[in-house]
N, C-alpha and C. Protein backbone atom coordinates (compact mmCIF):
# COMPACT_ATOMS: atom_id res chain seq x y z
N UNK A 1 -8.34 -7.89 -8.56
CA UNK A 1 -7.68 -6.67 -7.85
C UNK A 1 -7.04 -5.64 -8.82
N UNK A 2 -6.83 -6.36 -10.14
CA UNK A 2 -5.92 -5.42 -10.97
C UNK A 2 -6.73 -4.15 -11.44
N UNK A 3 -7.93 -4.16 -11.48
CA UNK A 3 -8.73 -2.81 -11.48
C UNK A 3 -8.28 -1.81 -10.60
N UNK A 4 -8.14 -2.06 -9.32
CA UNK A 4 -7.75 -1.07 -8.35
C UNK A 4 -6.24 -0.74 -8.62
N UNK A 5 -5.48 -1.60 -9.08
CA UNK A 5 -4.04 -1.44 -9.21
C UNK A 5 -3.70 -0.61 -10.51
N UNK A 6 -4.80 -0.53 -11.38
CA UNK A 6 -4.53 -0.01 -12.74
C UNK A 6 -3.85 1.25 -12.84
N UNK A 7 -4.05 2.26 -11.95
CA UNK A 7 -3.54 3.61 -11.99
C UNK A 7 -2.36 3.55 -10.91
N UNK A 8 -2.35 2.83 -10.11
CA UNK A 8 -1.36 2.85 -9.03
C UNK A 8 -0.12 2.08 -9.37
N UNK A 9 -0.13 1.07 -10.18
CA UNK A 9 0.97 0.10 -10.33
C UNK A 9 2.05 0.83 -11.02
N UNK A 10 1.93 1.66 -12.00
CA UNK A 10 2.97 2.31 -12.85
C UNK A 10 3.88 3.28 -11.99
N UNK A 11 3.48 4.16 -11.26
CA UNK A 11 4.28 4.92 -10.46
C UNK A 11 5.05 4.17 -9.37
N UNK A 12 4.34 3.06 -8.90
CA UNK A 12 4.89 2.16 -7.68
C UNK A 12 6.12 1.45 -8.41
N UNK A 13 5.95 0.81 -9.55
CA UNK A 13 7.02 0.08 -10.21
C UNK A 13 8.23 0.92 -10.55
N UNK A 14 7.88 2.17 -11.04
CA UNK A 14 8.92 3.06 -11.50
C UNK A 14 9.82 3.56 -10.20
N UNK A 15 8.95 3.92 -9.18
CA UNK A 15 9.68 4.37 -7.93
C UNK A 15 10.60 3.10 -7.40
N UNK A 16 10.08 2.03 -7.33
CA UNK A 16 10.91 0.82 -6.87
C UNK A 16 12.11 0.68 -7.72
N UNK A 17 11.98 0.76 -8.88
CA UNK A 17 13.09 0.63 -9.86
C UNK A 17 14.16 1.75 -9.65
N UNK A 18 13.67 3.06 -9.62
CA UNK A 18 14.58 4.12 -9.51
C UNK A 18 15.24 4.22 -8.23
N UNK A 19 14.51 3.92 -7.17
CA UNK A 19 15.10 3.86 -5.90
C UNK A 19 16.05 2.81 -5.63
N UNK A 20 15.98 1.65 -6.35
CA UNK A 20 16.97 0.53 -6.30
C UNK A 20 18.03 0.78 -7.24
N UNK A 21 17.99 1.99 -8.18
CA UNK A 21 18.95 2.23 -9.19
C UNK A 21 19.07 1.06 -10.20
N UNK A 22 18.00 0.58 -10.51
CA UNK A 22 18.02 -0.42 -11.68
C UNK A 22 17.38 -0.08 -12.92
N UNK A 23 17.82 -0.70 -13.92
CA UNK A 23 17.14 -0.51 -15.26
C UNK A 23 16.00 -1.47 -15.36
N UNK A 24 14.96 -1.23 -16.42
CA UNK A 24 13.93 -1.98 -16.29
C UNK A 24 14.39 -3.63 -16.64
N UNK A 25 15.37 -3.67 -17.36
CA UNK A 25 15.92 -5.17 -17.61
C UNK A 25 16.47 -5.77 -16.26
N UNK A 26 17.19 -4.91 -15.55
CA UNK A 26 17.71 -5.45 -14.24
C UNK A 26 16.63 -5.80 -13.28
N UNK A 27 15.62 -4.95 -13.11
CA UNK A 27 14.55 -5.23 -12.32
C UNK A 27 13.85 -6.44 -12.75
N UNK A 28 13.64 -6.61 -14.09
CA UNK A 28 12.95 -7.80 -14.61
C UNK A 28 13.59 -9.10 -14.34
N UNK A 29 14.93 -9.16 -14.45
CA UNK A 29 15.93 -10.28 -14.26
C UNK A 29 15.76 -10.78 -12.89
N UNK A 30 15.78 -9.82 -11.92
CA UNK A 30 15.62 -10.11 -10.63
C UNK A 30 14.41 -10.64 -9.96
N UNK A 31 13.19 -10.16 -10.89
CA UNK A 31 11.95 -10.73 -10.70
C UNK A 31 11.58 -11.83 -11.38
N UNK A 32 12.55 -12.31 -12.17
CA UNK A 32 12.26 -13.55 -13.06
C UNK A 32 11.20 -13.33 -14.12
N UNK A 33 11.08 -12.12 -14.69
CA UNK A 33 10.28 -11.77 -15.70
C UNK A 33 11.01 -11.04 -16.75
N UNK A 34 10.16 -10.73 -17.87
CA UNK A 34 10.69 -10.09 -18.99
C UNK A 34 10.78 -8.44 -18.78
N UNK A 35 11.77 -7.94 -19.61
CA UNK A 35 11.90 -6.37 -19.55
C UNK A 35 10.68 -5.79 -20.06
N UNK A 36 9.93 -6.45 -21.01
CA UNK A 36 8.69 -6.05 -21.58
C UNK A 36 7.60 -5.83 -20.64
N UNK A 37 7.52 -6.75 -19.61
CA UNK A 37 6.56 -6.79 -18.60
C UNK A 37 6.70 -5.46 -17.83
N UNK A 38 7.98 -5.14 -17.36
CA UNK A 38 8.17 -4.02 -16.60
C UNK A 38 7.94 -2.67 -17.46
N UNK A 39 8.17 -2.75 -18.66
CA UNK A 39 7.97 -1.49 -19.58
C UNK A 39 6.38 -1.39 -19.76
N UNK A 40 5.69 -2.48 -19.95
CA UNK A 40 4.24 -2.25 -20.17
C UNK A 40 3.51 -1.83 -18.86
N UNK A 41 3.96 -2.19 -17.69
CA UNK A 41 3.27 -1.82 -16.53
C UNK A 41 3.74 -0.31 -16.28
N UNK A 42 5.00 0.11 -16.53
CA UNK A 42 5.46 1.55 -16.29
C UNK A 42 4.68 2.48 -17.27
N UNK A 43 4.38 2.00 -18.52
CA UNK A 43 3.74 2.81 -19.60
C UNK A 43 2.27 2.52 -19.37
N UNK A 44 1.62 1.95 -18.37
CA UNK A 44 0.16 1.90 -18.10
C UNK A 44 -0.47 1.04 -19.22
N UNK A 45 0.34 0.33 -20.05
CA UNK A 45 -0.33 -0.61 -21.11
C UNK A 45 -0.95 -1.67 -20.50
N UNK A 46 -0.56 -2.10 -19.18
CA UNK A 46 -1.27 -3.42 -18.54
C UNK A 46 -1.15 -3.13 -17.21
N UNK A 47 -1.87 -3.84 -16.53
CA UNK A 47 -1.93 -3.83 -14.90
C UNK A 47 -1.48 -5.09 -14.39
N UNK A 48 -0.54 -5.08 -13.40
CA UNK A 48 -0.08 -6.36 -12.88
C UNK A 48 -1.01 -6.87 -11.81
N UNK A 49 -1.06 -8.21 -11.50
CA UNK A 49 -1.77 -8.71 -10.57
C UNK A 49 -0.91 -8.23 -9.13
N UNK A 50 -1.44 -8.53 -8.15
CA UNK A 50 -1.05 -7.97 -6.78
C UNK A 50 0.36 -8.95 -6.67
N UNK A 51 0.31 -10.24 -6.94
CA UNK A 51 1.52 -11.07 -6.86
C UNK A 51 2.65 -10.52 -7.77
N UNK A 52 2.50 -10.24 -8.95
CA UNK A 52 3.55 -9.63 -9.90
C UNK A 52 4.14 -8.29 -9.26
N UNK A 53 3.02 -7.46 -8.85
CA UNK A 53 3.56 -6.22 -8.11
C UNK A 53 4.47 -6.26 -6.83
N UNK A 54 4.05 -7.31 -6.05
CA UNK A 54 4.94 -7.59 -4.94
C UNK A 54 6.20 -8.26 -5.28
N UNK A 55 6.21 -9.04 -6.45
CA UNK A 55 7.55 -9.71 -6.84
C UNK A 55 8.37 -8.68 -7.38
N UNK A 56 7.83 -7.77 -8.24
CA UNK A 56 8.67 -6.63 -8.58
C UNK A 56 9.15 -5.70 -7.42
N UNK A 57 8.39 -5.43 -6.54
CA UNK A 57 8.91 -4.50 -5.36
C UNK A 57 9.88 -5.28 -4.57
N UNK A 58 9.82 -6.66 -4.29
CA UNK A 58 10.83 -7.37 -3.67
C UNK A 58 11.97 -7.44 -4.26
N UNK A 59 11.96 -7.61 -5.77
CA UNK A 59 13.25 -7.53 -6.48
C UNK A 59 13.98 -6.29 -6.36
N UNK A 60 13.15 -5.22 -6.13
CA UNK A 60 13.90 -3.91 -5.94
C UNK A 60 14.32 -3.65 -4.63
N UNK A 61 14.06 -4.48 -3.62
CA UNK A 61 14.39 -4.40 -2.22
C UNK A 61 13.42 -3.75 -1.36
N UNK A 62 12.06 -3.89 -1.82
CA UNK A 62 10.92 -3.22 -1.01
C UNK A 62 9.81 -4.13 -0.88
N UNK A 63 9.05 -3.83 0.19
CA UNK A 63 7.87 -4.62 0.57
C UNK A 63 6.61 -3.72 0.32
N UNK A 64 5.54 -4.21 -0.15
CA UNK A 64 4.24 -3.46 -0.31
C UNK A 64 3.43 -3.88 0.69
N UNK A 65 2.77 -2.95 1.48
CA UNK A 65 1.75 -3.32 2.46
C UNK A 65 0.59 -2.64 2.17
N UNK A 66 -0.52 -3.38 2.20
CA UNK A 66 -1.92 -2.71 2.01
C UNK A 66 -2.78 -2.80 3.27
N UNK A 67 -3.38 -1.76 3.71
CA UNK A 67 -4.30 -1.72 4.88
C UNK A 67 -5.52 -1.08 4.59
N UNK A 68 -6.59 -1.72 4.89
CA UNK A 68 -7.89 -0.89 4.95
C UNK A 68 -8.27 -0.26 6.26
N UNK A 69 -8.39 1.04 6.32
CA UNK A 69 -8.62 1.62 7.58
C UNK A 69 -9.98 2.45 7.53
N UNK A 70 -10.84 2.19 8.50
CA UNK A 70 -11.98 2.86 8.51
C UNK A 70 -12.07 4.30 8.65
N UNK A 71 -12.87 5.05 7.87
CA UNK A 71 -12.71 6.48 7.92
C UNK A 71 -13.41 7.04 9.32
N UNK A 72 -12.88 8.06 9.63
CA UNK A 72 -13.53 8.65 10.83
C UNK A 72 -14.07 10.01 10.42
N UNK A 73 -15.25 10.05 10.84
CA UNK A 73 -16.12 11.30 10.60
C UNK A 73 -15.81 12.51 11.67
N UNK A 74 -15.03 13.38 11.12
CA UNK A 74 -14.60 14.48 12.22
C UNK A 74 -15.63 15.30 12.76
N UNK A 75 -16.86 15.36 12.16
CA UNK A 75 -17.76 16.26 12.56
C UNK A 75 -18.93 15.44 13.47
N UNK A 76 -18.60 14.18 13.93
CA UNK A 76 -19.69 13.66 14.71
C UNK A 76 -19.22 13.80 16.24
N UNK A 77 -20.26 13.59 16.90
CA UNK A 77 -20.03 13.60 18.43
C UNK A 77 -19.47 12.08 18.78
N UNK A 78 -18.64 11.90 19.74
CA UNK A 78 -18.19 10.66 20.12
C UNK A 78 -19.25 9.51 20.31
N UNK A 79 -20.40 9.92 20.81
CA UNK A 79 -21.39 8.79 21.05
C UNK A 79 -21.90 8.29 19.92
N UNK A 80 -21.91 9.02 18.69
CA UNK A 80 -22.33 8.47 17.47
C UNK A 80 -21.56 7.41 16.82
N UNK A 81 -20.14 7.09 17.51
CA UNK A 81 -19.44 6.22 17.00
C UNK A 81 -19.45 4.84 17.80
N UNK A 82 -20.27 4.88 18.95
CA UNK A 82 -20.32 3.82 19.75
C UNK A 82 -20.74 2.54 19.03
N UNK A 83 -21.78 2.51 18.19
CA UNK A 83 -22.20 1.43 17.53
C UNK A 83 -21.06 0.78 16.75
N UNK A 84 -20.33 1.48 16.06
CA UNK A 84 -19.30 1.00 15.16
C UNK A 84 -18.22 0.43 16.12
N UNK A 85 -17.91 1.10 17.24
CA UNK A 85 -16.89 0.58 18.09
C UNK A 85 -17.26 -0.86 18.72
N UNK A 86 -18.45 -0.91 19.04
CA UNK A 86 -19.17 -2.21 19.76
C UNK A 86 -19.03 -3.36 18.57
N UNK A 87 -19.06 -2.98 17.39
CA UNK A 87 -19.25 -3.98 16.47
C UNK A 87 -17.77 -4.59 15.99
N UNK A 88 -16.77 -3.93 16.51
CA UNK A 88 -15.37 -4.31 16.22
C UNK A 88 -15.09 -5.55 17.11
N UNK A 89 -14.14 -6.41 16.57
CA UNK A 89 -13.58 -7.48 17.46
C UNK A 89 -12.76 -6.87 18.59
N UNK A 90 -12.42 -7.64 19.62
CA UNK A 90 -11.41 -7.12 20.61
C UNK A 90 -10.21 -6.63 20.01
N UNK A 91 -9.70 -7.45 19.15
CA UNK A 91 -8.24 -7.23 18.48
C UNK A 91 -8.50 -5.85 17.64
N UNK A 92 -9.46 -5.64 16.98
CA UNK A 92 -9.67 -4.40 16.21
C UNK A 92 -9.69 -3.37 17.11
N UNK A 93 -10.44 -3.56 18.14
CA UNK A 93 -10.57 -2.27 19.17
C UNK A 93 -9.07 -2.01 19.90
N UNK A 94 -8.23 -2.83 20.11
CA UNK A 94 -6.99 -2.65 20.51
C UNK A 94 -6.15 -2.04 19.54
N UNK A 95 -6.44 -2.47 18.13
CA UNK A 95 -5.59 -1.82 17.15
C UNK A 95 -6.08 -0.26 16.90
N UNK A 96 -7.26 -0.03 17.18
CA UNK A 96 -7.79 1.37 17.13
C UNK A 96 -7.22 2.18 18.25
N UNK A 97 -7.07 1.65 19.50
CA UNK A 97 -6.57 2.33 20.60
C UNK A 97 -5.20 2.64 20.22
N UNK A 98 -4.40 1.70 19.68
CA UNK A 98 -2.79 1.77 19.39
C UNK A 98 -2.76 2.94 18.41
N UNK A 99 -3.72 3.01 17.50
CA UNK A 99 -3.40 3.85 16.31
C UNK A 99 -3.71 5.39 16.87
N UNK A 100 -4.81 5.54 17.71
CA UNK A 100 -5.10 6.77 18.41
C UNK A 100 -3.96 7.19 19.23
N UNK A 101 -3.33 6.10 19.99
CA UNK A 101 -2.23 6.67 20.76
C UNK A 101 -1.12 7.13 20.12
N UNK A 102 -0.84 6.33 18.98
CA UNK A 102 0.41 6.85 18.03
C UNK A 102 -0.01 8.23 17.53
N UNK A 103 -1.24 8.49 17.19
CA UNK A 103 -1.48 9.76 16.61
C UNK A 103 -1.40 10.82 17.59
N UNK A 104 -1.85 10.70 18.84
CA UNK A 104 -1.73 11.63 19.85
C UNK A 104 -0.31 11.85 20.18
N UNK A 105 0.60 10.75 20.28
CA UNK A 105 2.01 10.95 20.65
C UNK A 105 2.55 11.77 19.61
N UNK A 106 2.49 11.55 18.31
CA UNK A 106 2.96 12.23 17.25
C UNK A 106 2.64 13.83 17.25
N UNK A 107 1.34 14.05 17.57
CA UNK A 107 0.78 15.36 17.63
C UNK A 107 1.43 16.10 18.79
N UNK A 108 1.51 15.50 20.00
CA UNK A 108 2.15 16.12 21.03
C UNK A 108 3.57 16.57 20.84
N UNK A 109 4.24 15.69 20.04
CA UNK A 109 5.69 16.07 19.88
C UNK A 109 5.94 17.22 18.91
N UNK A 110 4.82 17.58 18.25
CA UNK A 110 4.86 18.65 17.19
C UNK A 110 4.83 20.03 17.93
């Protein structure tokens, strides 16, 4: 997974550290690692594993959550999406309905 994190990790670690008001050394101490690890990640000299990134985020008082969400093609007719919807598990269908409901509620409030 480190390839995907290569470009995203540095700003995430820097943001966590700055929002927590910590120096690189203080964040490293809380995460039980070396200050040089934090410095190398922030300078994009190295890419952390997902576990290391999570540990640094937690040390700064944050949690990282990743979610894969299917893309919706805005130019298609509703019937074109039937095959995709039928391939979903019942749980995924409920999640999709909940996501649409939240989206509509947010749009109505604006």
